[in-house]
Amino acid sequence: MDTNNKIQTLEEIKERLKKFRGEGKKIIHCHGTFDLLHPGHLHHLKLAKQLGDLLVVTLTADRFVSKGPGRPAFPEQLRAESMAALACVDYVCIVHDVTGIPAIEAVMPHLYVKGGEYKKVDDDITGNMEREQNAVEAGGGTIHYTDGITFSSSSLLNQHFSLFSPEVKEYLQQFKNDYGTGEVAEQVQNLQGLNVLVVGDGIIDEYSTVSPLGVTGKNIDVLASKFESMERFCGGAFAVANQIADYVSEVTLLTGLGKKESHEDFIRSKLKDNIHPAFFYFDDAPTLVKRRFIDEDLNKLFELYYYDSKPMTPGLDDEICQWIATHADGYDAVIVPDYGNGFISENIVDALCKHSSYLAVHTQINSGNRGYHTITRYPRADYVSMNIPEIRLAAHNHHSDLKELAVKVGKQLNASTLSVTKGVDGALMCDIQKESFLNIPALSTQMVDRIGAADSYFAMTSLCLSQQGNRDLALFLGGAIAALNIRIVCNRESVDPVKLQKFTTTLLK
């Protein structure tokens, strides 16, 4: 059969297989990414074909492959053409889903063939293998596992293809020498029972996509654009709470909303089920909205703030401080993404420092607070995360080495750990007492949108360190979750444990 004729849509293959099934032909089905075709794949597919009359291979489409940066290494059409070139393969389909279930339901195989490494269903954190098995059996088929030589596409790509810089390869090799995937998974599992309080400014992020039209007819200093679309996201403390909620038992979110223009229905609809809002309401200020005008490539063109920089009234301030005094010490960790937009007053800072048994803080510099919002407004914190401009502003020092500044600021806050994120250069983590340092390079090879990456890093490292977790593991997981988040538009979704485990497993092969 001509190679191109082998590549079919699911709808087409479903119709074709009806004829073969009516002729009593035994249909075999294999599904996977098949990113780098190697001897292990060839052996697996040859064994599969020997089990029946027709072999159908289905491939996960590019946008559903969640194996980390640079993956898939080969686009779906090339992967399909490579598979179709094999004599043992009769038909190939690209599946637009994260699992093989739509393919299984279309193919209805007599045998669904997987490699021997998939036998231990309990090791599959995604639960997809069990769901696929149920789908196979519902269609009257059974699962068969092949034995023999195996290779890892991820391992081969990591070793022999330039997916990572030499710096990243060196870091990952050293990390693999010290830790395994089991220890990484155990660190994540240790977070599951935590009860966490998140305190900070809630933000609605709006992305308005526009197409530039050029200068106006009467004033060449004014640019005109055509509005295309708008999407809203729950950002700020809402996004941090959602990210944390994926990994812990319960999250309480303490933040402020406007009595008018509250956006409360939208906010509540976007919060995870295990988040318990403790909302306080500003009498005269709206819920903060940041509207960004962007082009189709997500380049930021212009930004508007809809807010009151002083939303707090004395009575409301007292209420929130009393709430913190009553509840804060009952949480395993208090995590404070302080965006400096007016919700966290000096009195609230004092209450958090006084009543939190474990306090993690990030004070972000943004357009609304640049020049005066620093971590030094907190008299203490157990863990602090900052970027380079933020730590230099806090230390009032433009030129000194970052390690020197980390120790200085960390000691000023009596912190145990301080982290400095460095964008494309990764991150630095400091053990303040020992004055020792860990470094991680940026683990991402693809960047879609930077917004949210620092928040996800802060959330993950805060959780790990709150349980006196290993700093190496905390830094690795923080770097990994940031690398995944940077591929997500704004705060459209969070990085769940399944995506994180797939990514970290790929990195460590």
Protein backbone atom coordinates (compact mmCIF):
# COMPACT_ATOMS: atom_id res chain seq x y z
CA MET A 1 0.00 0.00 0.00
CA ASP A 2 1.20 3.53 -0.80
CA THR A 3 2.59 5.24 2.32
CA ASN A 4 0.31 8.27 2.00
CA ASN A 5 -2.77 6.05 1.74
CA LYS A 6 -1.90 4.50 5.08
CA ILE A 7 -2.44 7.80 6.94
CA GLN A 8 -6.13 8.16 7.72
CA THR A 9 -8.38 10.18 10.01
CA LEU A 10 -10.13 8.35 12.83
CA GLU A 11 -13.44 8.67 11.00
CA GLU A 12 -11.94 7.17 7.83
CA ILE A 13 -10.24 4.28 9.61
CA LYS A 14 -13.41 3.49 11.54
CA GLU A 15 -15.29 2.97 8.27
CA ARG A 16 -12.45 0.97 6.65
CA LEU A 17 -12.18 -1.41 9.59
CA LYS A 18 -15.87 -2.33 9.40
CA LYS A 19 -15.14 -4.18 6.15
CA PHE A 20 -12.13 -6.04 7.56
CA ARG A 21 -13.96 -6.88 10.75
CA GLY A 22 -16.80 -8.34 8.66
CA GLU A 23 -14.25 -10.53 6.87
CA GLY A 24 -13.13 -11.96 10.20
CA LYS A 25 -9.77 -10.14 10.23
CA LYS A 26 -8.08 -9.73 13.60
CA ILE A 27 -7.33 -6.04 14.28
CA ILE A 28 -4.30 -5.02 16.37
CA HIS A 29 -3.91 -1.51 17.76
CA CYS A 30 -0.82 0.29 19.12
CA HIS A 31 -0.93 3.84 20.46
CA GLY A 32 1.75 6.27 21.61
CA THR A 33 3.83 9.34 20.82
CA PHE A 34 6.52 7.50 18.84
CA ASP A 35 8.59 10.66 18.82
CA LEU A 36 11.94 9.09 17.94
CA LEU A 37 11.51 5.81 16.07
CA HIS A 38 14.08 3.40 17.52
CA PRO A 39 14.82 -0.39 17.63
CA GLY A 40 12.56 -0.84 20.65
CA HIS A 41 9.61 0.55 18.70
CA LEU A 42 10.39 -1.64 15.67
CA HIS A 43 10.58 -4.77 17.81
CA HIS A 44 7.32 -3.86 19.57
CA LEU A 45 5.45 -3.19 16.31
CA LYS A 46 6.71 -6.36 14.60
CA LEU A 47 5.58 -8.46 17.56
CA ALA A 48 2.21 -6.68 17.53
CA LYS A 49 1.65 -7.38 13.80
CA GLN A 50 2.37 -11.09 14.34
CA LEU A 51 -0.61 -11.26 16.69
CA GLY A 52 -3.21 -10.49 14.01
CA ASP A 53 -4.02 -9.48 10.46
CA LEU A 54 -4.08 -5.67 10.50
CA LEU A 55 -1.94 -3.31 12.58
CA VAL A 56 -3.31 0.18 13.24
CA VAL A 57 -0.94 2.66 14.89
CA THR A 58 -2.33 5.88 16.40
CA LEU A 59 -0.16 8.84 17.42
CA THR A 60 -0.77 11.58 19.98
CA ALA A 61 -1.06 14.97 18.24
CA ASP A 62 1.63 17.54 18.99
CA ARG A 63 -0.40 19.80 21.25
CA PHE A 64 -1.36 16.91 23.53
CA VAL A 65 2.22 15.69 24.10
CA SER A 66 3.19 16.77 27.61
CA LYS A 67 6.72 15.41 27.91
CA GLY A 68 8.48 18.69 28.45
CA PRO A 69 10.41 21.31 26.48
CA GLY A 70 11.25 20.50 22.90
CA ARG A 71 8.79 17.62 22.80
CA PRO A 72 7.72 16.25 20.53
CA ALA A 73 11.06 16.57 18.75
CA PHE A 74 9.36 15.64 15.48
CA PRO A 75 5.98 17.10 14.42
CA GLU A 76 2.95 14.87 14.09
CA GLN A 77 2.97 14.69 10.29
CA LEU A 78 6.60 13.51 10.20
CA ARG A 79 5.92 11.00 12.95
CA ALA A 80 2.93 9.68 11.00
CA GLU A 81 4.93 9.43 7.76
CA SER A 82 7.75 7.57 9.52
CA MET A 83 5.29 5.09 10.99
CA ALA A 84 3.49 4.62 7.66
CA ALA A 85 6.81 3.77 5.98
CA LEU A 86 7.06 0.56 8.04
CA ALA A 87 5.95 -2.59 6.22
CA CYS A 88 4.37 -4.05 9.35
CA VAL A 89 2.04 -1.06 9.82
CA ASP A 90 -1.21 -1.05 7.84
CA TYR A 91 -2.82 2.22 8.94
CA VAL A 92 -1.79 5.33 10.87
CA CYS A 93 -3.97 7.95 12.56
CA ILE A 94 -3.18 11.15 14.49
CA VAL A 95 -5.30 11.45 17.66
CA HIS A 96 -6.23 14.85 19.04
CA ASP A 97 -6.57 13.82 22.67
CA VAL A 98 -4.32 13.33 25.69
CA THR A 99 -5.24 9.61 25.86
CA GLY A 100 -5.73 6.82 23.35
CA ILE A 101 -9.40 6.42 24.28
CA PRO A 102 -10.92 8.13 21.19
CA ALA A 103 -8.70 5.94 19.01
CA ILE A 104 -9.65 2.78 20.90
CA GLU A 105 -13.34 3.61 20.52
CA ALA A 106 -12.89 4.14 16.76
CA VAL A 107 -10.61 1.15 16.06
CA MET A 108 -12.29 -1.30 18.49
CA PRO A 109 -9.25 -3.63 18.37
CA HIS A 110 -9.25 -7.29 19.16
CA LEU A 111 -5.89 -6.68 20.85
CA TYR A 112 -4.59 -3.38 22.21
CA VAL A 113 -0.81 -3.90 22.41
CA LYS A 114 1.42 -2.01 24.84
CA GLY A 115 5.04 -2.41 25.86
CA GLY A 116 5.94 -4.45 28.91
CA GLU A 117 6.80 -1.28 30.86
CA TYR A 118 3.07 -0.51 31.07
CA LYS A 119 2.15 -3.72 32.92
CA LYS A 120 2.26 -2.08 36.34
CA VAL A 121 -0.96 -0.08 36.15
CA ASP A 122 -0.47 1.13 39.74
CA ASP A 123 2.65 3.05 38.63
CA ASP A 124 0.58 5.17 36.24
CA ILE A 125 -0.22 8.40 38.11
CA THR A 126 -2.31 9.64 35.15
CA GLY A 127 -4.82 6.79 35.45
CA ASN A 128 -4.93 6.75 31.64
CA MET A 129 -3.79 3.14 31.34
CA GLU A 130 -6.71 1.91 33.44
CA ARG A 131 -9.17 4.04 31.46
CA GLU A 132 -7.73 2.76 28.20
CA GLN A 133 -8.06 -0.82 29.42
CA ASN A 134 -11.70 -0.20 30.28
CA ALA A 135 -12.30 1.24 26.80
CA VAL A 136 -10.65 -1.76 25.13
CA GLU A 137 -12.73 -4.22 27.13
CA ALA A 138 -15.93 -2.23 26.50
CA GLY A 139 -15.29 -2.76 22.77
CA GLY A 140 -14.82 -6.50 23.22
CA GLY A 141 -11.02 -6.50 23.07
CA THR A 142 -8.17 -7.33 25.43
CA ILE A 143 -4.78 -5.82 26.27
CA HIS A 144 -1.57 -7.60 25.37
CA TYR A 145 1.91 -6.62 26.60
CA THR A 146 4.99 -7.29 24.50
CA ASP A 147 8.34 -8.31 25.97
CA GLY A 148 11.86 -7.87 24.72
CA ILE A 149 14.30 -5.04 24.13
CA THR A 150 13.17 -1.58 25.16
CA PHE A 151 14.56 1.89 24.68
CA SER A 152 13.36 5.25 25.93
CA SER A 153 12.75 7.92 23.28
CA SER A 154 13.09 10.55 25.99
CA SER A 155 16.46 9.17 27.12
CA LEU A 156 17.77 8.99 23.55
CA LEU A 157 16.58 12.51 22.75
CA ASN A 158 18.05 13.88 25.97
CA GLN A 159 21.42 12.23 25.31
CA HIS A 160 21.89 12.59 21.58
CA PHE A 161 19.77 15.53 20.42
CA SER A 162 20.42 19.17 21.33
CA LEU A 163 17.16 19.73 23.20
CA PHE A 164 19.07 21.25 26.12
CA SER A 165 22.06 23.51 26.49
CA PRO A 166 25.30 22.05 27.91
CA GLU A 167 24.51 23.86 31.18
CA VAL A 168 21.11 22.16 31.49
CA LYS A 169 22.55 18.76 30.55
CA GLU A 170 25.24 19.12 33.21
CA TYR A 171 22.68 20.14 35.84
CA LEU A 172 20.33 17.25 35.01
CA GLN A 173 23.17 14.72 35.03
CA GLN A 174 24.31 15.89 38.46
CA PHE A 175 20.75 15.85 39.77
CA LYS A 176 20.26 12.30 38.42
CA ASN A 177 23.43 11.23 40.21
CA ASP A 178 21.97 12.45 43.51
CA TYR A 179 18.24 11.78 43.15
CA GLY A 180 15.80 9.58 41.26
CA THR A 181 12.28 9.97 39.97
CA GLY A 182 11.05 8.14 43.08
CA GLU A 183 12.43 10.80 45.41
CA VAL A 184 10.95 13.57 43.27
CA ALA A 185 7.54 11.87 43.28
CA GLU A 186 7.75 11.30 47.04
CA GLN A 187 8.40 15.01 47.62
CA VAL A 188 5.24 15.86 45.69
CA GLN A 189 3.21 13.19 47.50
CA ASN A 190 4.30 14.62 50.85
CA LEU A 191 2.36 17.79 50.05
CA GLN A 192 -1.00 16.08 49.69
CA GLY A 193 -2.20 16.42 53.27
CA LEU A 194 -1.30 20.10 53.75
CA ASN A 195 -3.77 22.79 54.74
CA VAL A 196 -2.55 26.10 53.33
CA LEU A 197 -3.56 29.75 53.65
CA VAL A 198 -2.92 32.06 50.66
CA VAL A 199 -3.07 35.81 51.32
CA GLY A 200 -2.68 38.44 48.63
CA ASP A 201 -4.13 40.72 45.99
CA GLY A 202 -6.67 39.03 43.76
CA ILE A 203 -6.28 40.14 40.15
CA ILE A 204 -8.41 39.72 37.04
CA ASP A 205 -6.09 39.57 34.03
CA GLU A 206 -7.65 40.49 30.70
CA TYR A 207 -5.98 39.89 27.34
CA SER A 208 -7.49 41.98 24.55
CA THR A 209 -6.08 40.86 21.22
CA VAL A 210 -5.85 43.60 18.59
CA SER A 211 -4.57 43.95 15.02
CA PRO A 212 -2.60 47.15 14.40
CA LEU A 213 -4.04 49.31 11.60
CA GLY A 214 -1.36 52.01 11.60
CA VAL A 215 -1.51 55.73 12.31
CA THR A 216 -4.83 57.57 12.24
CA GLY A 217 -5.72 59.75 9.28
CA LYS A 218 -5.59 63.06 11.12
CA ASN A 219 -2.88 62.52 13.72
CA ILE A 220 0.26 60.56 12.88
CA ASP A 221 1.15 60.35 16.59
CA VAL A 222 -1.90 58.13 17.29
CA LEU A 223 -1.92 54.43 16.42
CA ALA A 224 -5.18 52.67 15.63
CA SER A 225 -5.92 48.98 16.11
CA LYS A 226 -8.79 46.62 15.36
CA PHE A 227 -10.21 44.70 18.31
CA GLU A 228 -10.19 40.94 17.73
CA SER A 229 -11.04 39.14 20.97
CA MET A 230 -10.81 39.25 24.75
CA GLU A 231 -10.09 36.53 27.33
CA ARG A 232 -10.23 36.85 31.13
CA PHE A 233 -8.14 34.94 33.65
CA CYS A 234 -8.02 34.69 37.42
CA GLY A 235 -4.55 35.98 38.26
CA GLY A 236 -2.63 37.17 41.30
CA ALA A 237 -3.56 35.39 44.52
CA PHE A 238 -6.37 33.55 42.69
CA ALA A 239 -3.83 31.90 40.37
CA VAL A 240 -1.44 31.07 43.22
CA ALA A 241 -4.27 29.44 45.18
CA ASN A 242 -5.34 27.41 42.13
CA GLN A 243 -1.77 26.21 41.56
CA ILE A 244 -1.35 25.20 45.19
CA ALA A 245 -4.76 23.50 45.30
CA ASP A 246 -3.59 20.89 42.77
CA TYR A 247 -1.04 19.56 45.28
CA VAL A 248 -2.53 19.90 48.77
CA SER A 249 -5.64 18.91 50.68
CA GLU A 250 -7.22 22.30 51.45
CA VAL A 251 -6.54 25.92 50.56
CA THR A 252 -8.07 29.00 52.16
CA LEU A 253 -7.82 32.16 50.06
CA LEU A 254 -7.84 35.47 51.92
CA THR A 255 -8.22 38.46 49.60
CA GLY A 256 -10.24 41.57 48.88
CA LEU A 257 -12.97 42.18 46.30
CA GLY A 258 -14.85 45.32 45.37
CA LYS A 259 -18.46 45.60 46.52
CA LYS A 260 -19.03 47.13 43.10
CA GLU A 261 -17.43 45.56 40.03
CA SER A 262 -16.52 42.54 42.13
CA HIS A 263 -16.39 39.92 39.32
CA GLU A 264 -17.19 37.48 42.13
CA ASP A 265 -19.26 35.04 40.08
CA PHE A 266 -16.46 34.72 37.52
CA ILE A 267 -13.83 34.33 40.25
CA ARG A 268 -15.73 31.64 42.12
CA SER A 269 -16.35 29.74 38.87
CA LYS A 270 -12.59 29.57 38.27
CA LEU A 271 -11.43 28.50 41.74
CA LYS A 272 -10.65 24.82 42.38
CA ASP A 273 -13.13 22.86 44.48
CA ASN A 274 -10.79 22.55 47.48
CA ILE A 275 -10.30 26.33 47.77
CA HIS A 276 -12.29 28.03 50.52
CA PRO A 277 -12.60 31.77 49.87
CA ALA A 278 -12.36 34.22 52.76
CA PHE A 279 -13.40 37.32 50.84
CA PHE A 280 -13.46 40.79 52.35
CA TYR A 281 -15.09 43.64 50.46
CA PHE A 282 -13.85 47.15 49.66
CA ASP A 283 -16.56 49.79 50.07
CA ASP A 284 -15.41 52.12 47.31
CA ALA A 285 -12.76 50.24 45.32
CA PRO A 286 -13.30 47.66 42.55
CA THR A 287 -11.69 44.26 42.26
CA LEU A 288 -8.37 44.89 40.56
CA VAL A 289 -8.42 44.35 36.78
CA LYS A 290 -5.32 44.51 34.59
CA ARG A 291 -6.23 44.80 30.93
CA ARG A 292 -3.40 44.08 28.52
CA PHE A 293 -3.67 44.83 24.83
CA ILE A 294 -1.69 42.24 22.87
CA ASP A 295 -1.07 41.26 19.27
CA GLU A 296 -1.63 37.78 17.88
CA ASP A 297 1.88 36.75 18.98
CA LEU A 298 1.13 37.71 22.62
CA ASN A 299 3.38 40.75 22.50
CA LYS A 300 2.17 43.26 25.10
CA LEU A 301 1.32 46.59 23.48
CA PHE A 302 -0.36 48.54 26.27
CA GLU A 303 -1.72 47.95 29.77
CA LEU A 304 -4.52 49.52 31.83
CA TYR A 305 -5.12 49.18 35.58
CA TYR A 306 -8.69 49.38 36.89
CA TYR A 307 -8.17 49.79 40.62
CA ASP A 308 -7.81 52.01 43.65
CA SER A 309 -4.27 51.95 45.05
CA LYS A 310 -5.68 52.61 48.55
CA PRO A 311 -8.75 50.37 48.81
CA MET A 312 -8.49 49.63 52.54
CA THR A 313 -10.57 51.39 55.21
CA PRO A 314 -9.60 51.31 58.93
CA GLY A 315 -12.57 49.14 59.83
CA LEU A 316 -11.88 46.60 57.09
CA ASP A 317 -8.19 46.56 58.01
CA ASP A 318 -9.11 45.68 61.61
CA GLU A 319 -11.47 42.91 60.48
CA ILE A 320 -8.82 41.25 58.34
CA CYS A 321 -6.17 41.52 61.05
CA GLN A 322 -8.56 39.92 63.53
CA TRP A 323 -9.29 37.10 61.06
CA ILE A 324 -5.56 36.45 60.69
CA ALA A 325 -5.02 36.51 64.47
CA THR A 326 -7.80 33.95 64.90
CA HIS A 327 -6.99 31.58 62.04
CA ALA A 328 -3.44 31.89 60.67
CA ASP A 329 -1.62 29.65 63.13
CA GLY A 330 -3.94 26.77 62.23
CA TYR A 331 -2.38 26.32 58.79
CA ASP A 332 0.64 24.26 57.81
CA ALA A 333 1.87 27.17 55.71
CA VAL A 334 0.87 30.77 55.06
CA ILE A 335 1.86 31.76 51.52
CA VAL A 336 1.75 35.46 50.65
CA PRO A 337 1.99 36.63 47.03
CA ASP A 338 2.09 40.37 47.83
CA TYR A 339 1.62 42.33 44.60
CA GLY A 340 1.64 45.70 46.35
CA ASN A 341 -1.73 46.80 45.00
CA GLY A 342 -3.22 47.91 48.33
CA PHE A 343 -4.79 44.83 49.91
CA ILE A 344 -1.94 43.99 52.29
CA SER A 345 -1.57 46.93 54.68
CA GLU A 346 1.20 47.46 57.21
CA ASN A 347 -1.12 46.17 59.94
CA ILE A 348 -1.84 43.02 57.91
CA VAL A 349 1.89 42.50 57.40
CA ASP A 350 2.42 42.67 61.16
CA ALA A 351 -0.46 40.25 61.80
CA LEU A 352 0.89 37.75 59.26
CA CYS A 353 4.38 37.88 60.74
CA LYS A 354 3.07 37.49 64.28
CA HIS A 355 0.57 34.67 63.76
CA SER A 356 1.98 32.49 60.94
CA SER A 357 3.86 29.39 62.04
CA TYR A 358 5.44 29.16 58.57
CA LEU A 359 5.46 32.27 56.38
CA ALA A 360 6.51 32.38 52.71
CA VAL A 361 6.45 35.77 50.98
CA HIS A 362 6.97 37.17 47.50
CA THR A 363 6.77 40.96 47.03
CA GLN A 364 6.41 41.65 43.35
CA ILE A 365 7.49 44.81 41.56
CA ASN A 366 4.95 45.95 38.97
CA SER A 367 3.85 49.13 37.23
CA GLY A 368 1.62 50.16 40.12
CA ASN A 369 4.22 49.96 42.91
CA ARG A 370 7.64 50.32 41.29
CA GLY A 371 10.16 52.04 43.55
CA TYR A 372 8.61 51.57 46.96
CA HIS A 373 7.25 48.02 47.35
CA THR A 374 9.95 45.78 48.87
CA ILE A 375 10.32 42.67 50.99
CA THR A 376 11.77 44.76 53.81
CA ARG A 377 8.25 45.82 54.77
CA TYR A 378 8.07 42.37 56.41
CA PRO A 379 9.93 42.09 59.74
CA ARG A 380 10.25 38.30 59.26
CA ALA A 381 9.64 35.48 56.83
CA ASP A 382 10.70 31.84 56.76
CA TYR A 383 11.04 31.74 52.99
CA VAL A 384 11.35 34.57 50.48
CA SER A 385 11.26 34.43 46.68
CA MET A 386 12.34 37.43 44.60
CA ASN A 387 13.65 38.30 41.16
CA ILE A 388 16.83 40.27 40.49
CA PRO A 389 15.30 43.79 40.38
CA GLU A 390 13.32 43.02 43.55
CA ILE A 391 16.32 41.94 45.62
CA ARG A 392 18.46 44.83 44.35
CA LEU A 393 15.70 47.28 45.29
CA ALA A 394 15.33 45.70 48.73
CA ALA A 395 19.08 45.88 49.34
CA HIS A 396 19.41 49.34 47.71
CA ASN A 397 22.31 47.84 45.79
CA HIS A 398 22.70 47.85 42.02
CA HIS A 399 26.05 46.12 41.52
CA SER A 400 26.97 43.62 44.27
CA ASP A 401 26.94 39.88 43.70
CA LEU A 402 23.50 38.25 44.05
CA LYS A 403 24.78 35.72 46.57
CA GLU A 404 26.00 38.52 48.82
CA LEU A 405 22.63 40.28 48.55
CA ALA A 406 20.70 37.05 49.21
CA VAL A 407 22.55 36.49 52.48
CA LYS A 408 22.16 40.13 53.51
CA VAL A 409 18.40 40.31 52.85
CA GLY A 410 17.78 36.82 54.21
CA LYS A 411 19.48 37.62 57.51
CA GLN A 412 17.59 40.91 57.77
CA LEU A 413 14.33 38.90 57.61
CA ASN A 414 15.58 36.02 59.79
CA ALA A 415 14.67 33.76 56.89
CA SER A 416 15.79 30.15 56.51
CA THR A 417 15.80 30.21 52.72
CA LEU A 418 15.82 32.91 50.06
CA SER A 419 15.46 32.33 46.34
CA VAL A 420 16.26 34.65 43.45
CA THR A 421 14.67 33.92 40.08
CA LYS A 422 16.78 35.01 37.12
CA GLY A 423 14.50 34.58 34.11
CA VAL A 424 16.26 32.82 31.23
CA ASP A 425 19.21 32.19 33.56
CA GLY A 426 17.19 30.03 35.97
CA ALA A 427 17.19 30.53 39.74
CA LEU A 428 19.40 30.69 42.80
CA MET A 429 18.45 29.32 46.24
CA CYS A 430 20.31 30.23 49.43
CA ASP A 431 20.48 28.46 52.79
CA ILE A 432 20.79 31.62 54.88
CA GLN A 433 22.26 30.03 58.01
CA LYS A 434 24.96 28.08 56.16
CA GLU A 435 25.41 30.75 53.47
CA SER A 436 25.38 27.96 50.90
CA PHE A 437 23.85 28.13 47.45
CA LEU A 438 22.11 26.00 44.86
CA ASN A 439 21.62 26.95 41.22
CA ILE A 440 19.25 25.69 38.56
CA PRO A 441 19.33 26.73 34.89
CA ALA A 442 16.08 27.48 33.07
CA LEU A 443 14.57 24.13 32.06
CA SER A 444 12.34 25.46 29.31
CA THR A 445 13.20 25.57 25.64
CA GLN A 446 9.86 27.12 24.66
CA MET A 447 8.29 30.35 25.88
CA VAL A 448 4.67 31.29 25.26
CA ASP A 449 3.93 33.73 28.09
CA ARG A 450 6.02 34.70 31.13
CA ILE A 451 3.04 35.78 33.22
CA GLY A 452 2.43 33.24 35.98
CA ALA A 453 5.78 31.43 35.81
CA ALA A 454 7.29 33.18 38.84
CA ASP A 455 4.06 32.61 40.79
CA SER A 456 4.09 28.87 40.06
CA TYR A 457 7.76 28.67 41.06
CA PHE A 458 6.99 30.52 44.31
CA ALA A 459 3.99 28.30 45.04
CA MET A 460 5.86 25.00 44.54
CA THR A 461 9.05 25.96 46.37
CA SER A 462 7.01 27.39 49.26
CA LEU A 463 5.09 24.14 49.66
CA CYS A 464 8.20 21.97 49.58
CA LEU A 465 10.18 24.13 51.99
CA SER A 466 7.26 24.50 54.43
CA GLN A 467 7.72 20.82 55.29
CA GLN A 468 11.47 21.23 55.77
CA GLY A 469 11.82 19.64 52.36
CA ASN A 470 15.13 19.06 50.65
CA ARG A 471 16.22 22.32 48.98
CA ASP A 472 17.61 20.47 45.94
CA LEU A 473 14.24 18.83 45.33
CA ALA A 474 12.33 22.05 46.02
CA LEU A 475 14.48 23.96 43.52
CA PHE A 476 14.17 21.23 40.87
CA LEU A 477 10.39 21.05 41.22
CA GLY A 478 10.14 24.85 41.21
CA GLY A 479 12.20 25.04 38.04
CA ALA A 480 10.18 22.28 36.40
CA ILE A 481 6.78 23.78 37.17
CA ALA A 482 7.95 27.20 35.96
CA ALA A 483 9.18 25.63 32.70
CA LEU A 484 5.74 24.12 32.14
CA ASN A 485 3.89 27.28 33.18
CA ILE A 486 5.81 29.44 30.73
CA ARG A 487 4.15 27.45 27.93
CA ILE A 488 0.66 28.45 29.14
CA VAL A 489 -1.10 31.67 28.11
CA CYS A 490 -1.39 33.84 31.24
CA ASN A 491 -3.26 31.83 33.92
CA ARG A 492 -5.47 29.85 31.56
CA GLU A 493 -4.69 26.70 33.55
CA SER A 494 -2.40 25.49 36.30
CA VAL A 495 0.24 22.76 36.13
CA ASP A 496 -1.27 19.66 37.71
CA PRO A 497 0.71 16.78 39.29
CA VAL A 498 0.28 14.53 36.26
CA LYS A 499 1.88 17.06 33.89
CA LEU A 500 4.62 17.75 36.40
CA GLN A 501 5.44 14.06 36.87
CA LYS A 502 5.52 13.41 33.13
CA PHE A 503 7.87 16.35 32.65
CA THR A 504 10.23 15.49 35.52
CA THR A 505 10.33 11.83 34.46
CA THR A 506 11.28 12.92 30.94
CA LEU A 507 13.99 15.23 32.25
CA LEU A 508 15.56 12.49 34.33
CA LYS A 509 15.69 9.78 31.65
